[in-house]
């Protein structure tokens, strides 16, 4: 029997090969989401640094004037969303890998989700409040 006639040996089940899913049944979605948010944050980093440098030495009225600009508020909101999402995914992977008690893992993942949402909402509220001039 030649090597062309022998089937490839794999640890995956036939259904797993068809669906291209691993043991976690989620494929590579977390990996891809984290890479996408990392690229988004990398692209947004320079404009955010420029905005922060523009805010240096300004009083509240000057900062509100800069942040009142729609393009600046949109850039900051995009950066906040990408950062919070990236943080949530990264921390969830760490929790899933290193917390072995299932109840503690579930609680930790829930707290991680709530924390990421709270950070994103608080930051979004601050940017919207400053950009609206209230």
N, C-alpha and C. Protein backbone atom coordinates (compact mmCIF):
# COMPACT_ATOMS: atom_id res chain seq x y z
N UNK A 1 0.84 -1.17 0.00
CA UNK A 1 0.00 0.00 0.00
C UNK A 1 0.89 1.24 0.00
N UNK A 2 0.66 2.17 -0.90
CA UNK A 2 1.47 3.38 -0.99
C UNK A 2 0.97 4.43 -0.01
N UNK A 3 1.76 5.47 0.15
CA UNK A 3 1.36 6.53 1.06
C UNK A 3 0.16 7.31 0.54
N UNK A 4 -0.07 7.30 -0.76
CA UNK A 4 -1.22 8.00 -1.32
C UNK A 4 -2.52 7.28 -0.98
N UNK A 5 -2.44 5.93 -0.75
CA UNK A 5 -3.63 5.16 -0.46
C UNK A 5 -4.01 5.19 1.02
N UNK A 6 -3.07 5.55 1.90
CA UNK A 6 -3.37 5.54 3.33
C UNK A 6 -4.08 6.83 3.72
N UNK A 7 -5.13 6.72 4.53
CA UNK A 7 -5.83 7.94 4.94
C UNK A 7 -5.00 8.74 5.94
N UNK A 8 -5.18 10.04 5.93
CA UNK A 8 -4.49 10.91 6.89
C UNK A 8 -5.06 10.65 8.27
N UNK A 9 -4.19 10.53 9.24
CA UNK A 9 -4.64 10.31 10.61
C UNK A 9 -4.79 11.67 11.29
N UNK A 10 -5.89 11.83 11.99
CA UNK A 10 -6.17 13.09 12.66
C UNK A 10 -6.89 12.80 13.96
N UNK A 11 -6.72 13.69 14.92
CA UNK A 11 -7.42 13.56 16.20
C UNK A 11 -8.83 14.11 16.11
N UNK A 12 -9.15 14.79 15.05
CA UNK A 12 -10.47 15.38 14.89
C UNK A 12 -11.47 14.35 14.42
N UNK A 13 -12.70 14.56 14.83
CA UNK A 13 -13.78 13.71 14.34
C UNK A 13 -14.15 14.16 12.94
N UNK A 14 -14.81 13.30 12.17
CA UNK A 14 -15.23 13.73 10.83
C UNK A 14 -16.10 14.99 10.85
N UNK A 15 -17.01 15.07 11.84
CA UNK A 15 -17.86 16.26 11.94
C UNK A 15 -17.04 17.49 12.26
N UNK A 16 -16.04 17.33 13.13
CA UNK A 16 -15.16 18.45 13.48
C UNK A 16 -14.36 18.92 12.28
N UNK A 17 -13.94 17.98 11.41
CA UNK A 17 -13.20 18.37 10.20
C UNK A 17 -14.10 19.13 9.25
N UNK A 18 -15.36 18.71 9.14
CA UNK A 18 -16.30 19.38 8.24
C UNK A 18 -16.61 20.78 8.73
N UNK A 19 -16.89 20.91 10.03
CA UNK A 19 -17.24 22.22 10.59
C UNK A 19 -16.03 23.07 10.88
N UNK A 20 -14.83 22.47 10.89
CA UNK A 20 -13.57 23.16 11.17
C UNK A 20 -13.58 23.79 12.56
N UNK A 21 -14.14 23.06 13.53
CA UNK A 21 -14.18 23.53 14.90
C UNK A 21 -13.30 22.66 15.77
N UNK A 22 -12.74 23.27 16.81
CA UNK A 22 -11.92 22.53 17.76
C UNK A 22 -12.75 22.04 18.93
N UNK A 23 -12.08 21.68 20.01
CA UNK A 23 -12.76 21.13 21.17
C UNK A 23 -13.67 22.15 21.85
N UNK A 24 -13.36 23.41 21.72
CA UNK A 24 -14.15 24.45 22.38
C UNK A 24 -15.42 24.79 21.60
N UNK A 25 -15.52 24.27 20.38
CA UNK A 25 -16.69 24.49 19.52
C UNK A 25 -16.90 25.95 19.16
N UNK A 26 -15.86 26.73 19.20
CA UNK A 26 -16.01 28.13 18.82
C UNK A 26 -15.07 28.52 17.68
N UNK A 27 -14.31 27.59 17.20
CA UNK A 27 -13.41 27.89 16.10
C UNK A 27 -12.40 28.94 16.50
N UNK A 28 -12.17 29.88 15.62
CA UNK A 28 -11.16 30.90 15.88
C UNK A 28 -11.79 32.29 16.03
N UNK A 29 -13.05 32.34 16.40
CA UNK A 29 -13.74 33.64 16.43
C UNK A 29 -13.11 34.60 17.44
N UNK A 30 -12.79 34.13 18.65
CA UNK A 30 -12.16 35.01 19.64
C UNK A 30 -10.80 35.49 19.14
N UNK A 31 -10.04 34.59 18.54
CA UNK A 31 -8.72 34.94 18.00
C UNK A 31 -8.86 36.04 16.95
N UNK A 32 -9.80 35.86 16.02
CA UNK A 32 -9.99 36.85 14.96
C UNK A 32 -10.50 38.17 15.50
N UNK A 33 -11.45 38.11 16.43
CA UNK A 33 -11.98 39.36 17.01
C UNK A 33 -10.89 40.13 17.72
N UNK A 34 -10.03 39.42 18.44
CA UNK A 34 -8.96 40.11 19.16
C UNK A 34 -7.97 40.73 18.18
N UNK A 35 -7.68 40.04 17.08
CA UNK A 35 -6.77 40.60 16.08
C UNK A 35 -7.39 41.80 15.38
N UNK A 36 -8.68 41.74 15.10
CA UNK A 36 -9.37 42.86 14.44
C UNK A 36 -9.37 44.09 15.36
N UNK A 37 -9.67 43.89 16.64
CA UNK A 37 -9.65 45.04 17.56
C UNK A 37 -8.24 45.57 17.74
N UNK A 38 -7.24 44.69 17.70
CA UNK A 38 -5.85 45.15 17.81
C UNK A 38 -5.47 46.00 16.61
N UNK A 39 -5.88 45.59 15.42
CA UNK A 39 -5.59 46.39 14.22
C UNK A 39 -6.32 47.72 14.29
N UNK A 40 -7.58 47.70 14.73
CA UNK A 40 -8.35 48.95 14.86
C UNK A 40 -7.69 49.89 15.84
N UNK A 41 -7.25 49.36 16.98
CA UNK A 41 -6.58 50.21 17.98
C UNK A 41 -5.26 50.75 17.45
N UNK A 42 -4.54 49.94 16.69
CA UNK A 42 -3.27 50.38 16.12
C UNK A 42 -3.50 51.54 15.14
N UNK A 43 -4.53 51.41 14.30
CA UNK A 43 -4.83 52.47 13.33
C UNK A 43 -5.33 53.74 14.01
N UNK A 44 -6.04 53.59 15.12
CA UNK A 44 -6.60 54.74 15.82
C UNK A 44 -5.61 55.37 16.82
N UNK A 45 -4.50 54.70 17.08
CA UNK A 45 -3.56 55.16 18.11
C UNK A 45 -2.97 56.53 17.78
N UNK A 46 -2.54 56.74 16.56
CA UNK A 46 -1.90 58.02 16.20
C UNK A 46 -2.89 59.18 16.32
N UNK A 47 -4.12 59.08 15.76
CA UNK A 47 -5.06 60.19 15.95
C UNK A 47 -5.38 60.44 17.43
N UNK A 48 -5.49 59.38 18.22
CA UNK A 48 -5.80 59.56 19.64
C UNK A 48 -4.65 60.26 20.35
N UNK A 49 -3.42 59.90 20.03
CA UNK A 49 -2.25 60.56 20.63
C UNK A 49 -2.22 62.03 20.22
N UNK A 50 -2.54 62.32 18.97
CA UNK A 50 -2.58 63.72 18.51
C UNK A 50 -3.66 64.49 19.28
N UNK A 51 -4.82 63.87 19.47
CA UNK A 51 -5.91 64.52 20.22
C UNK A 51 -5.47 64.79 21.65
N UNK A 52 -4.84 63.82 22.28
CA UNK A 52 -4.36 64.00 23.66
C UNK A 52 -3.32 65.12 23.73
N UNK A 53 -2.44 65.18 22.75
CA UNK A 53 -1.43 66.25 22.74
C UNK A 53 -2.09 67.62 22.54
N UNK A 54 -3.19 67.66 21.77
CA UNK A 54 -3.91 68.92 21.58
C UNK A 54 -4.57 69.36 22.89
N UNK A 55 -4.91 68.42 23.77
CA UNK A 55 -5.57 68.74 25.03
C UNK A 55 -4.60 69.19 26.12
N UNK A 56 -3.32 68.89 25.95
CA UNK A 56 -2.34 69.25 26.98
C UNK A 56 -2.29 70.76 27.19
N UNK A 57 -2.35 71.18 28.43
CA UNK A 57 -2.24 72.58 28.78
C UNK A 57 -3.51 73.38 28.59
N UNK A 58 -4.58 72.74 28.19
CA UNK A 58 -5.85 73.46 28.00
C UNK A 58 -6.68 73.39 29.27
N UNK A 59 -7.52 74.40 29.45
CA UNK A 59 -8.47 74.35 30.56
C UNK A 59 -9.70 73.57 30.10
N UNK A 60 -10.70 73.48 30.96
CA UNK A 60 -11.88 72.68 30.63
C UNK A 60 -12.61 73.22 29.42
N UNK A 61 -12.70 74.52 29.30
CA UNK A 61 -13.40 75.11 28.15
C UNK A 61 -12.67 74.80 26.85
N UNK A 62 -11.34 74.88 26.89
CA UNK A 62 -10.56 74.55 25.70
C UNK A 62 -10.66 73.09 25.33
N UNK A 63 -10.64 72.22 26.34
CA UNK A 63 -10.79 70.78 26.08
C UNK A 63 -12.17 70.48 25.53
N UNK A 64 -13.20 71.12 26.08
CA UNK A 64 -14.55 70.91 25.60
C UNK A 64 -14.70 71.38 24.15
N UNK A 65 -14.01 72.47 23.81
CA UNK A 65 -14.06 72.97 22.45
C UNK A 65 -13.44 71.96 21.48
N UNK A 66 -12.29 71.38 21.86
CA UNK A 66 -11.64 70.38 21.00
C UNK A 66 -12.49 69.12 20.90
N UNK A 67 -12.98 68.64 22.05
CA UNK A 67 -13.76 67.41 22.06
C UNK A 67 -15.16 67.63 21.49
N UNK A 68 -15.57 68.86 21.32
CA UNK A 68 -16.87 69.16 20.73
C UNK A 68 -16.92 68.92 19.24
N UNK A 69 -15.76 68.73 18.65
CA UNK A 69 -15.70 68.45 17.22
C UNK A 69 -16.20 67.03 16.96
N UNK A 70 -17.12 66.87 16.02
CA UNK A 70 -17.70 65.56 15.72
C UNK A 70 -16.66 64.53 15.29
N UNK A 71 -15.73 64.85 14.39
CA UNK A 71 -14.74 63.83 14.00
C UNK A 71 -13.87 63.36 15.18
N UNK A 72 -13.53 64.27 16.07
CA UNK A 72 -12.71 63.91 17.23
C UNK A 72 -13.50 63.01 18.17
N UNK A 73 -14.76 63.35 18.42
CA UNK A 73 -15.60 62.52 19.28
C UNK A 73 -15.78 61.13 18.69
N UNK A 74 -15.97 61.05 17.38
CA UNK A 74 -16.14 59.74 16.72
C UNK A 74 -14.87 58.92 16.84
N UNK A 75 -13.72 59.53 16.61
CA UNK A 75 -12.44 58.80 16.75
C UNK A 75 -12.25 58.27 18.16
N UNK A 76 -12.55 59.10 19.15
CA UNK A 76 -12.40 58.65 20.54
C UNK A 76 -13.39 57.54 20.87
N UNK A 77 -14.61 57.65 20.39
CA UNK A 77 -15.60 56.60 20.65
C UNK A 77 -15.20 55.28 20.00
N UNK A 78 -14.69 55.34 18.78
CA UNK A 78 -14.21 54.12 18.11
C UNK A 78 -13.06 53.49 18.89
N UNK A 79 -12.15 54.33 19.37
CA UNK A 79 -11.02 53.82 20.14
C UNK A 79 -11.49 53.19 21.46
N UNK A 80 -12.46 53.82 22.11
CA UNK A 80 -12.98 53.29 23.37
C UNK A 80 -13.64 51.93 23.16
N UNK A 81 -14.47 51.83 22.13
CA UNK A 81 -15.17 50.56 21.86
C UNK A 81 -14.17 49.46 21.52
N UNK A 82 -13.21 49.76 20.65
CA UNK A 82 -12.20 48.76 20.28
C UNK A 82 -11.37 48.34 21.49
N UNK A 83 -11.00 49.29 22.33
CA UNK A 83 -10.18 48.99 23.51
C UNK A 83 -10.95 48.14 24.52
N UNK A 84 -12.19 48.50 24.78
CA UNK A 84 -12.99 47.74 25.76
C UNK A 84 -13.25 46.33 25.26
N UNK A 85 -13.53 46.19 23.99
CA UNK A 85 -13.78 44.87 23.43
C UNK A 85 -12.52 44.02 23.47
N UNK A 86 -11.39 44.62 23.09
CA UNK A 86 -10.10 43.93 23.11
C UNK A 86 -9.75 43.49 24.54
N UNK A 87 -9.98 44.38 25.50
CA UNK A 87 -9.70 44.06 26.90
C UNK A 87 -10.58 42.90 27.37
N UNK A 88 -11.86 42.93 27.03
CA UNK A 88 -12.79 41.87 27.44
C UNK A 88 -12.38 40.52 26.89
N UNK A 89 -12.04 40.47 25.61
CA UNK A 89 -11.65 39.21 24.98
C UNK A 89 -10.35 38.68 25.59
N UNK A 90 -9.36 39.55 25.76
CA UNK A 90 -8.08 39.12 26.31
C UNK A 90 -8.21 38.59 27.73
N UNK A 91 -8.96 39.29 28.56
CA UNK A 91 -9.13 38.85 29.94
C UNK A 91 -9.94 37.56 30.01
N UNK A 92 -10.92 37.41 29.12
CA UNK A 92 -11.72 36.19 29.10
C UNK A 92 -10.85 34.98 28.74
N UNK A 93 -9.94 35.15 27.80
CA UNK A 93 -9.04 34.05 27.43
C UNK A 93 -8.16 33.67 28.62
N UNK A 94 -7.65 34.67 29.33
CA UNK A 94 -6.82 34.39 30.51
C UNK A 94 -7.64 33.64 31.57
N UNK A 95 -8.86 34.09 31.81
CA UNK A 95 -9.73 33.44 32.81
C UNK A 95 -10.01 32.00 32.39
N UNK A 96 -10.37 31.80 31.13
CA UNK A 96 -10.69 30.45 30.67
C UNK A 96 -9.49 29.51 30.76
N UNK A 97 -8.29 30.05 30.55
CA UNK A 97 -7.09 29.20 30.58
C UNK A 97 -6.59 28.90 31.98
N UNK A 98 -6.74 29.84 32.91
CA UNK A 98 -6.06 29.70 34.20
C UNK A 98 -6.97 29.54 35.41
N UNK A 99 -8.27 29.75 35.27
CA UNK A 99 -9.18 29.53 36.39
C UNK A 99 -9.81 28.16 36.17
N UNK A 100 -9.56 27.23 37.09
CA UNK A 100 -9.99 25.85 36.89
C UNK A 100 -11.28 25.51 37.61
N UNK A 101 -11.64 26.25 38.61
CA UNK A 101 -12.91 26.04 39.32
C UNK A 101 -14.02 26.60 38.43
N UNK A 102 -14.97 25.75 38.04
CA UNK A 102 -16.00 26.15 37.07
C UNK A 102 -16.89 27.28 37.58
N UNK A 103 -17.26 27.24 38.86
CA UNK A 103 -18.11 28.32 39.40
C UNK A 103 -17.35 29.63 39.44
N UNK A 104 -16.10 29.59 39.88
CA UNK A 104 -15.28 30.80 39.91
C UNK A 104 -15.03 31.32 38.50
N UNK A 105 -14.84 30.41 37.56
CA UNK A 105 -14.64 30.80 36.16
C UNK A 105 -15.86 31.53 35.63
N UNK A 106 -17.05 30.99 35.90
CA UNK A 106 -18.29 31.61 35.43
C UNK A 106 -18.48 33.00 36.03
N UNK A 107 -18.25 33.10 37.33
CA UNK A 107 -18.39 34.40 38.01
C UNK A 107 -17.35 35.39 37.46
N UNK A 108 -16.14 34.93 37.26
CA UNK A 108 -15.07 35.80 36.75
C UNK A 108 -15.38 36.30 35.35
N UNK A 109 -15.89 35.44 34.51
CA UNK A 109 -16.24 35.85 33.14
C UNK A 109 -17.40 36.85 33.16
N UNK A 110 -18.38 36.60 34.03
CA UNK A 110 -19.49 37.55 34.15
C UNK A 110 -19.00 38.91 34.64
N UNK A 111 -18.15 38.92 35.66
CA UNK A 111 -17.60 40.18 36.17
C UNK A 111 -16.76 40.88 35.11
N UNK A 112 -16.00 40.11 34.34
CA UNK A 112 -15.20 40.67 33.26
C UNK A 112 -16.10 41.36 32.23
N UNK A 113 -17.20 40.70 31.87
CA UNK A 113 -18.13 41.30 30.91
C UNK A 113 -18.75 42.59 31.45
N UNK A 114 -19.19 42.54 32.71
CA UNK A 114 -19.78 43.74 33.31
C UNK A 114 -18.77 44.87 33.40
N UNK A 115 -17.53 44.55 33.77
CA UNK A 115 -16.50 45.58 33.89
C UNK A 115 -16.21 46.22 32.53
N UNK A 116 -16.07 45.41 31.49
CA UNK A 116 -15.79 45.94 30.15
C UNK A 116 -16.94 46.84 29.67
N UNK A 117 -18.17 46.41 29.94
CA UNK A 117 -19.33 47.22 29.55
C UNK A 117 -19.36 48.52 30.35
N UNK A 118 -19.07 48.44 31.65
CA UNK A 118 -19.08 49.64 32.50
C UNK A 118 -18.02 50.64 32.05
N UNK A 119 -16.83 50.15 31.74
CA UNK A 119 -15.76 51.04 31.26
C UNK A 119 -16.16 51.70 29.94
N UNK A 120 -16.71 50.91 29.03
CA UNK A 120 -17.11 51.45 27.73
C UNK A 120 -18.24 52.48 27.88
N UNK A 121 -19.22 52.16 28.71
CA UNK A 121 -20.35 53.09 28.90
C UNK A 121 -19.92 54.38 29.59
N UNK A 122 -19.11 54.26 30.64
CA UNK A 122 -18.65 55.46 31.35
C UNK A 122 -17.80 56.34 30.44
N UNK A 123 -16.93 55.74 29.67
CA UNK A 123 -16.09 56.50 28.75
C UNK A 123 -16.92 57.14 27.64
N UNK A 124 -17.87 56.39 27.12
CA UNK A 124 -18.75 56.91 26.07
C UNK A 124 -19.58 58.08 26.60
N UNK A 125 -20.11 57.92 27.80
CA UNK A 125 -20.89 59.00 28.43
C UNK A 125 -20.03 60.26 28.58
N UNK A 126 -18.80 60.10 29.04
CA UNK A 126 -17.91 61.25 29.23
C UNK A 126 -17.63 61.95 27.91
N UNK A 127 -17.34 61.19 26.87
CA UNK A 127 -17.05 61.80 25.56
C UNK A 127 -18.30 62.49 25.01
N UNK A 128 -19.44 61.84 25.11
CA UNK A 128 -20.67 62.44 24.60
C UNK A 128 -21.04 63.70 25.38
N UNK A 129 -20.84 63.68 26.69
CA UNK A 129 -21.15 64.85 27.50
C UNK A 129 -20.22 66.02 27.16
N UNK A 130 -18.93 65.72 27.02
CA UNK A 130 -17.99 66.78 26.67
C UNK A 130 -18.22 67.29 25.25
N UNK A 131 -18.54 66.36 24.33
CA UNK A 131 -18.71 66.80 22.94
C UNK A 131 -20.01 67.54 22.72
N UNK A 132 -21.00 67.34 23.61
CA UNK A 132 -22.26 68.05 23.45
C UNK A 132 -22.22 69.43 24.11
N UNK A 133 -21.18 69.69 24.89
CA UNK A 133 -21.02 70.99 25.51
C UNK A 133 -21.86 71.19 26.76
N UNK A 134 -22.40 70.11 27.29
CA UNK A 134 -23.24 70.23 28.51
C UNK A 134 -22.38 70.26 29.74
